């Protein structure tokens, strides 16, 4: 079973993403911030990470760089999520090792298309 970690400080976004991704048959866990996400990755590296850009404390860029530096950190597909249509954070994320990006808010067709594009489903 594919294991997906959803990282977002918004409980609403996590809830919506969980419903969508569980609908693909994935096992899903959530993290409300970067610190919690890194803790979960140290315990069990997910196959997929849906990663929020702006969070209090450790932001999405730092999580991305830290995960990619971990022993199993090259394996997960990491989809960087942002509400900003500014290319600078997206470009930075892609250069830091994001597999792809997605603008929020998102819905099932968008997530499904993105996951198909990057070979997750």
N, C-alpha and C. Protein backbone atom coordinates (compact mmCIF):
# COMPACT_ATOMS: atom_id res chain seq x y z
N UNK A 1 0.85 -1.18 0.00
CA UNK A 1 0.00 0.00 0.00
C UNK A 1 0.90 1.24 0.00
N UNK A 2 0.54 2.22 -0.80
CA UNK A 2 1.28 3.48 -0.87
C UNK A 2 0.99 4.33 0.36
N UNK A 3 2.06 4.85 0.95
CA UNK A 3 1.95 5.64 2.18
C UNK A 3 2.20 7.11 1.85
N UNK A 4 1.23 7.96 2.18
CA UNK A 4 1.30 9.40 1.89
C UNK A 4 1.25 10.20 3.19
N UNK A 5 2.15 11.15 3.31
CA UNK A 5 2.16 12.09 4.42
C UNK A 5 1.66 13.44 3.92
N UNK A 6 0.62 13.96 4.55
CA UNK A 6 0.08 15.28 4.22
C UNK A 6 0.57 16.25 5.27
N UNK A 7 1.28 17.29 4.82
CA UNK A 7 1.85 18.27 5.74
C UNK A 7 1.24 19.63 5.43
N UNK A 8 0.44 20.15 6.37
CA UNK A 8 -0.19 21.45 6.19
C UNK A 8 -0.66 21.96 7.55
N UNK A 9 -0.50 23.25 7.79
CA UNK A 9 -0.94 23.81 9.06
C UNK A 9 -2.45 24.03 9.11
N UNK A 10 -3.13 23.87 7.99
CA UNK A 10 -4.58 24.02 7.94
C UNK A 10 -5.25 22.66 8.09
N UNK A 11 -6.05 22.51 9.14
CA UNK A 11 -6.75 21.25 9.34
C UNK A 11 -7.76 21.00 8.22
N UNK A 12 -8.32 22.05 7.65
CA UNK A 12 -9.27 21.90 6.55
C UNK A 12 -8.58 21.33 5.32
N UNK A 13 -7.41 21.87 4.98
CA UNK A 13 -6.65 21.36 3.82
C UNK A 13 -6.26 19.91 4.06
N UNK A 14 -5.79 19.59 5.26
CA UNK A 14 -5.42 18.20 5.57
C UNK A 14 -6.62 17.27 5.41
N UNK A 15 -7.77 17.71 5.90
CA UNK A 15 -8.98 16.87 5.83
C UNK A 15 -9.39 16.63 4.38
N UNK A 16 -9.40 17.68 3.56
CA UNK A 16 -9.77 17.55 2.15
C UNK A 16 -8.77 16.63 1.43
N UNK A 17 -7.48 16.88 1.65
CA UNK A 17 -6.44 16.08 1.00
C UNK A 17 -6.55 14.61 1.42
N UNK A 18 -6.79 14.38 2.71
CA UNK A 18 -6.91 13.00 3.22
C UNK A 18 -8.03 12.26 2.50
N UNK A 19 -9.20 12.90 2.38
CA UNK A 19 -10.34 12.26 1.71
C UNK A 19 -9.99 11.90 0.27
N UNK A 20 -9.36 12.84 -0.42
CA UNK A 20 -9.00 12.60 -1.83
C UNK A 20 -8.01 11.45 -1.93
N UNK A 21 -6.94 11.51 -1.15
CA UNK A 21 -5.84 10.54 -1.29
C UNK A 21 -6.24 9.17 -0.77
N UNK A 22 -7.03 9.11 0.29
CA UNK A 22 -7.52 7.80 0.74
C UNK A 22 -8.42 7.18 -0.32
N UNK A 23 -9.07 8.03 -1.12
CA UNK A 23 -9.89 7.54 -2.22
C UNK A 23 -9.08 6.83 -3.30
N UNK A 24 -7.78 7.07 -3.33
CA UNK A 24 -6.88 6.37 -4.26
C UNK A 24 -6.39 5.05 -3.67
N UNK A 25 -6.81 4.76 -2.43
CA UNK A 25 -6.39 3.53 -1.77
C UNK A 25 -5.08 3.65 -1.01
N UNK A 26 -4.63 4.87 -0.75
CA UNK A 26 -3.37 5.09 -0.04
C UNK A 26 -3.60 5.07 1.47
N UNK A 27 -2.56 4.71 2.19
CA UNK A 27 -2.53 4.89 3.64
C UNK A 27 -2.07 6.33 3.87
N UNK A 28 -2.76 7.08 4.72
CA UNK A 28 -2.48 8.50 4.89
C UNK A 28 -2.23 8.83 6.36
N UNK A 29 -1.20 9.64 6.59
CA UNK A 29 -1.00 10.25 7.90
C UNK A 29 -0.86 11.75 7.68
N UNK A 30 -0.99 12.50 8.76
CA UNK A 30 -0.95 13.95 8.67
C UNK A 30 0.08 14.53 9.62
N UNK A 31 0.59 15.69 9.25
CA UNK A 31 1.45 16.49 10.12
C UNK A 31 0.98 17.93 10.02
N UNK A 32 0.88 18.61 11.16
CA UNK A 32 0.36 19.98 11.18
C UNK A 32 1.46 21.02 11.00
N UNK A 33 2.74 20.57 11.05
CA UNK A 33 3.85 21.52 10.87
C UNK A 33 5.10 20.76 10.43
N UNK A 34 6.13 21.53 10.12
CA UNK A 34 7.36 20.94 9.62
C UNK A 34 8.05 20.03 10.61
N UNK A 35 8.03 20.42 11.87
CA UNK A 35 8.68 19.60 12.90
C UNK A 35 8.03 18.23 13.00
N UNK A 36 6.72 18.21 13.02
CA UNK A 36 5.99 16.94 13.09
C UNK A 36 6.23 16.10 11.83
N UNK A 37 6.31 16.76 10.68
CA UNK A 37 6.56 16.05 9.42
C UNK A 37 7.92 15.36 9.45
N UNK A 38 8.95 16.08 9.89
CA UNK A 38 10.29 15.50 9.93
C UNK A 38 10.36 14.35 10.93
N UNK A 39 9.66 14.48 12.02
CA UNK A 39 9.60 13.42 13.02
C UNK A 39 9.00 12.15 12.40
N UNK A 40 7.91 12.31 11.66
CA UNK A 40 7.27 11.17 11.03
C UNK A 40 8.16 10.55 9.95
N UNK A 41 8.88 11.39 9.20
CA UNK A 41 9.78 10.87 8.16
C UNK A 41 10.93 10.09 8.77
N UNK A 42 11.39 10.49 9.94
CA UNK A 42 12.46 9.75 10.62
C UNK A 42 11.98 8.38 11.07
N UNK A 43 10.71 8.28 11.44
CA UNK A 43 10.15 7.00 11.89
C UNK A 43 9.87 6.07 10.72
N UNK A 44 9.26 6.60 9.67
CA UNK A 44 8.92 5.80 8.49
C UNK A 44 8.81 6.75 7.30
N UNK A 45 9.72 6.61 6.36
CA UNK A 45 9.73 7.50 5.20
C UNK A 45 8.53 7.17 4.30
N UNK A 46 7.70 8.17 4.01
CA UNK A 46 6.53 7.92 3.15
C UNK A 46 6.95 7.74 1.69
N UNK A 47 6.00 7.23 0.91
CA UNK A 47 6.22 7.11 -0.54
C UNK A 47 5.94 8.45 -1.22
N UNK A 48 4.99 9.20 -0.65
CA UNK A 48 4.55 10.47 -1.20
C UNK A 48 4.40 11.47 -0.06
N UNK A 49 4.82 12.71 -0.31
CA UNK A 49 4.61 13.78 0.66
C UNK A 49 3.92 14.93 -0.05
N UNK A 50 2.76 15.32 0.46
CA UNK A 50 2.06 16.52 0.00
C UNK A 50 2.47 17.60 0.99
N UNK A 51 3.28 18.56 0.54
CA UNK A 51 3.99 19.47 1.44
C UNK A 51 3.59 20.92 1.24
N UNK A 52 3.06 21.52 2.30
CA UNK A 52 2.67 22.93 2.29
C UNK A 52 3.90 23.82 2.27
N UNK A 53 3.80 24.93 1.61
CA UNK A 53 4.87 25.91 1.49
C UNK A 53 5.05 26.71 2.78
N UNK A 54 4.02 27.44 3.18
CA UNK A 54 4.12 28.34 4.32
C UNK A 54 3.49 27.73 5.56
N UNK A 55 4.35 27.48 6.55
CA UNK A 55 3.89 26.95 7.84
C UNK A 55 4.69 27.66 8.93
N UNK A 56 4.12 27.76 10.12
CA UNK A 56 4.89 28.34 11.22
C UNK A 56 6.05 27.42 11.60
N UNK A 57 7.12 27.98 12.11
CA UNK A 57 8.28 27.17 12.49
C UNK A 57 9.05 26.75 11.26
N UNK A 58 9.20 25.46 11.09
CA UNK A 58 9.94 24.92 9.95
C UNK A 58 9.02 24.95 8.73
N UNK A 59 9.40 25.74 7.72
CA UNK A 59 8.53 25.86 6.53
C UNK A 59 8.77 24.71 5.55
N UNK A 60 7.97 24.72 4.49
CA UNK A 60 8.04 23.66 3.49
C UNK A 60 9.39 23.51 2.83
N UNK A 61 10.08 24.62 2.57
CA UNK A 61 11.40 24.55 1.94
C UNK A 61 12.40 23.82 2.84
N UNK A 62 12.37 24.12 4.13
CA UNK A 62 13.29 23.47 5.07
C UNK A 62 12.96 21.99 5.22
N UNK A 63 11.68 21.67 5.27
CA UNK A 63 11.28 20.26 5.33
C UNK A 63 11.79 19.53 4.09
N UNK A 64 11.58 20.12 2.94
CA UNK A 64 12.01 19.52 1.67
C UNK A 64 13.51 19.24 1.68
N UNK A 65 14.30 20.24 2.02
CA UNK A 65 15.76 20.07 2.03
C UNK A 65 16.19 19.02 3.06
N UNK A 66 15.57 19.04 4.22
CA UNK A 66 15.93 18.09 5.28
C UNK A 66 15.56 16.66 4.89
N UNK A 67 14.37 16.47 4.34
CA UNK A 67 13.95 15.14 3.90
C UNK A 67 14.91 14.62 2.84
N UNK A 68 15.23 15.45 1.87
CA UNK A 68 16.11 15.01 0.78
C UNK A 68 17.51 14.65 1.27
N UNK A 69 17.91 15.17 2.42
CA UNK A 69 19.24 14.85 2.96
C UNK A 69 19.23 13.60 3.84
N UNK A 70 18.05 13.06 4.14
CA UNK A 70 17.95 11.86 4.98
C UNK A 70 18.36 10.62 4.17
N UNK A 71 18.76 9.53 4.86
CA UNK A 71 19.19 8.31 4.15
C UNK A 71 18.20 7.81 3.09
N UNK A 72 16.91 7.81 3.39
CA UNK A 72 15.91 7.34 2.42
C UNK A 72 15.20 8.52 1.74
N UNK A 73 15.71 9.72 1.91
CA UNK A 73 15.04 10.93 1.48
C UNK A 73 14.94 11.18 -0.01
N UNK A 74 15.66 10.43 -0.81
CA UNK A 74 15.56 10.60 -2.27
C UNK A 74 14.36 9.85 -2.84
N UNK A 75 13.84 8.89 -2.05
CA UNK A 75 12.78 8.02 -2.55
C UNK A 75 11.41 8.66 -2.69
N UNK A 76 10.93 9.42 -1.70
CA UNK A 76 9.54 9.87 -1.82
C UNK A 76 9.33 10.90 -2.94
N UNK A 77 8.15 10.81 -3.53
CA UNK A 77 7.71 11.87 -4.45
C UNK A 77 7.18 12.98 -3.55
N UNK A 78 7.67 14.20 -3.76
CA UNK A 78 7.25 15.32 -2.92
C UNK A 78 6.55 16.35 -3.80
N UNK A 79 5.27 16.57 -3.52
CA UNK A 79 4.49 17.56 -4.25
C UNK A 79 4.37 18.79 -3.34
N UNK A 80 4.99 19.86 -3.77
CA UNK A 80 5.04 21.13 -3.04
C UNK A 80 3.75 21.89 -3.31
N UNK A 81 3.05 22.30 -2.25
CA UNK A 81 1.75 22.95 -2.39
C UNK A 81 1.81 24.39 -1.89
N UNK A 82 1.24 25.30 -2.66
CA UNK A 82 1.25 26.70 -2.27
C UNK A 82 -0.02 27.39 -2.76
N UNK A 83 -0.38 28.48 -2.10
CA UNK A 83 -1.49 29.31 -2.55
C UNK A 83 -0.98 30.46 -3.40
N UNK A 84 0.32 30.67 -3.40
CA UNK A 84 0.92 31.78 -4.12
C UNK A 84 1.13 31.43 -5.59
N UNK A 85 0.84 32.37 -6.46
CA UNK A 85 1.11 32.13 -7.87
C UNK A 85 2.44 32.75 -8.28
N UNK A 86 3.24 33.13 -7.30
CA UNK A 86 4.59 33.65 -7.53
C UNK A 86 5.50 32.47 -7.86
N UNK A 87 6.26 32.58 -8.93
CA UNK A 87 7.12 31.48 -9.36
C UNK A 87 8.35 31.29 -8.48
N UNK A 88 8.77 32.30 -7.73
CA UNK A 88 10.01 32.20 -6.94
C UNK A 88 9.98 31.03 -5.95
N UNK A 89 8.94 30.90 -5.09
CA UNK A 89 8.95 29.76 -4.17
C UNK A 89 8.83 28.41 -4.87
N UNK A 90 8.10 28.39 -5.97
CA UNK A 90 7.95 27.14 -6.73
C UNK A 90 9.28 26.74 -7.36
N UNK A 91 9.96 27.70 -7.96
CA UNK A 91 11.26 27.44 -8.56
C UNK A 91 12.26 26.97 -7.51
N UNK A 92 12.25 27.64 -6.37
CA UNK A 92 13.14 27.25 -5.26
C UNK A 92 12.86 25.82 -4.82
N UNK A 93 11.59 25.47 -4.70
CA UNK A 93 11.22 24.11 -4.29
C UNK A 93 11.68 23.08 -5.32
N UNK A 94 11.48 23.37 -6.58
CA UNK A 94 11.88 22.43 -7.62
C UNK A 94 13.40 22.25 -7.62
N UNK A 95 14.13 23.31 -7.40
CA UNK A 95 15.60 23.22 -7.33
C UNK A 95 16.07 22.48 -6.08
N UNK A 96 15.24 22.50 -5.03
CA UNK A 96 15.60 21.82 -3.78
C UNK A 96 15.19 20.35 -3.77
N UNK A 97 14.53 19.91 -4.83
CA UNK A 97 14.21 18.49 -4.92
C UNK A 97 12.75 18.11 -4.94
N UNK A 98 11.85 19.09 -5.04
CA UNK A 98 10.43 18.75 -5.16
C UNK A 98 10.21 17.99 -6.47
N UNK A 99 9.33 17.02 -6.44
CA UNK A 99 9.00 16.27 -7.65
C UNK A 99 8.14 17.12 -8.57
N UNK A 100 7.23 17.86 -7.97
CA UNK A 100 6.33 18.74 -8.72
C UNK A 100 5.68 19.69 -7.72
N UNK A 101 4.78 20.53 -8.21
CA UNK A 101 4.08 21.46 -7.34
C UNK A 101 2.61 21.48 -7.72
N UNK A 102 1.80 22.03 -6.80
CA UNK A 102 0.37 22.14 -7.03
C UNK A 102 -0.13 23.38 -6.31
N UNK A 103 -0.98 24.13 -6.97
CA UNK A 103 -1.57 25.31 -6.34
C UNK A 103 -2.81 24.91 -5.54
N UNK A 104 -2.95 25.53 -4.35
CA UNK A 104 -4.13 25.31 -3.53
C UNK A 104 -5.10 26.46 -3.77
N UNK A 105 -6.38 26.25 -3.59
CA UNK A 105 -7.01 25.01 -3.16
C UNK A 105 -7.04 23.99 -4.30
N UNK A 106 -7.12 22.73 -3.94
CA UNK A 106 -7.16 21.69 -4.95
C UNK A 106 -8.37 20.80 -4.74
N UNK A 107 -8.68 20.03 -5.77
CA UNK A 107 -9.79 19.09 -5.71
C UNK A 107 -9.33 17.74 -6.26
N UNK A 108 -10.20 16.77 -6.23
CA UNK A 108 -9.81 15.41 -6.64
C UNK A 108 -9.28 15.34 -8.08
N UNK A 109 -9.95 15.95 -9.07
CA UNK A 109 -9.41 15.86 -10.43
C UNK A 109 -7.99 16.44 -10.55
N UNK A 110 -7.73 17.53 -9.86
CA UNK A 110 -6.40 18.14 -9.92
C UNK A 110 -5.35 17.24 -9.26
N UNK A 111 -5.66 16.73 -8.08
CA UNK A 111 -4.72 15.85 -7.38
C UNK A 111 -4.48 14.58 -8.19
N UNK A 112 -5.54 14.01 -8.72
CA UNK A 112 -5.42 12.79 -9.52
C UNK A 112 -4.55 13.03 -10.75
N UNK A 113 -4.78 14.14 -11.44
CA UNK A 113 -3.98 14.46 -12.62
C UNK A 113 -2.51 14.68 -12.26
N UNK A 114 -2.26 15.38 -11.16
CA UNK A 114 -0.89 15.64 -10.74
C UNK A 114 -0.20 14.35 -10.34
N UNK A 115 -0.89 13.49 -9.60
CA UNK A 115 -0.31 12.22 -9.17
C UNK A 115 -0.04 11.32 -10.38
N UNK A 116 -0.90 11.36 -11.39
CA UNK A 116 -0.65 10.59 -12.61
C UNK A 116 0.56 11.15 -13.35
N UNK A 117 0.65 12.46 -13.43
CA UNK A 117 1.78 13.11 -14.13
C UNK A 117 3.13 12.69 -13.56
N UNK A 118 3.21 12.55 -12.25
CA UNK A 118 4.50 12.25 -11.62
C UNK A 118 4.66 10.76 -11.30
N UNK A 119 3.73 9.93 -11.74
CA UNK A 119 3.85 8.49 -11.59
C UNK A 119 3.54 7.95 -10.21
N UNK A 120 2.69 8.66 -9.47
CA UNK A 120 2.31 8.20 -8.14
C UNK A 120 1.16 7.20 -8.26
N UNK A 121 0.24 7.48 -9.20
CA UNK A 121 -0.86 6.52 -9.45
C UNK A 121 -0.90 6.23 -10.94
